[in-house]
C-alpha cells in the first residue's frame, strides 16, 4: 500500500511527460510543454493551463452547515480538532470530484484509490477502496456522496487517510476495472468493531487492480495526497472533525482561502469575485457520524 507523490506524472522527467502525452494523442499539450527545437528539461515550473502537472496539495474545510449560498472555505490546517471523536465511528464519503484538466482528449476515465487504517480491538486494520469514474475537462465526475469507508473507528491519534487518482487511457483494462463494479465496491467498505479476516482478500483485490492498471504505459498517477486527520494542536496537520474537506491539486504558494467559496447550489468551489470554477482539479470528502442500519 506504500505510495507517494513521487509517482505523480508531474514529477516525471519532462521528456517522459511529453512522450506520454504523444502516446495518448494529446499532441496539443505536448507541443505547449515542449520548447522549440526539442523536448528540453526545464518546463517543470511552468505548467500553464496543465493543472494536472501540479504535485502539491491544499486542504480546505467546508463546515457541515453552510450559512448561505456561498459558504466560506477555511484553511483546514488552522482549525481546532474535535477530541470528542476519539473512539467514535465515522463515515468517509466522496462528495465531489472536479476535473479542470486531465491529460488526453475527450472523456477521461479515472481510477481513484483510497487507503487508511481502522482501529479494531486495539489493532490497526488495513482499509483500501477503489472506484472508477469518468469526467470531461471543466466538469464534475458523476459522483455525489459516494461511500468509501463506513464505520471507521477513530483511534486516540486520529486516522490516516490517503488517496490517489490515476488517468486510465489503456482500453485493455476494461475487464480488469469491471471488478470494481461489484456490490461491495459500489456500496463502500463496511467495517466492524472487530478484526475481519475476510477483509484482507477484499483489500488485496483493490490493491492488485490498482497495481495492474499502473503497469500499463498509457495509465499514469496524476495526484497523490495524504491526510493525517488527528487531534494535535498544529498548523501543519489537518484536524479531525465532522465536515467536508476540499483536497485541491495545486502548488500555489500565494493561495488565499478568503477569495474562494463553496457554491451550495452548484456544488462547486468558485472564486468569489467572478463566481467561476476555481480552475484546479479537486476532490471533496465528507467526514460524518456513522449510524448503524
Foldseek 3Di string as FASTA:
>chain_A
DDDDLCQALLNDFQVLNLVLLVVQPVNVQSVVCADPPGSDGPSSVPSDLQQLNFADKFKWFFAPDAPDQWRFIHRQLQDAADQVLAQAWKWKFWAWWAAQDDRHDDKWKKKKKKWKWAQAPNDTHIFIAMDIWIDHHGGITPGHRFTAEFGGGAHQFGMKMKMWMKTQSDPVCPVLNVVCVDPDNRRHPYDDNHDDPVVVVVRVSRVVSVVVRCVDSNMGIRYMDMARAGRDNGSPHGHDDFGKMKIWRDDDPPDDSRQWTQRNVVRAIAGPVPRHGPSTTIIMMGMGGHDDD
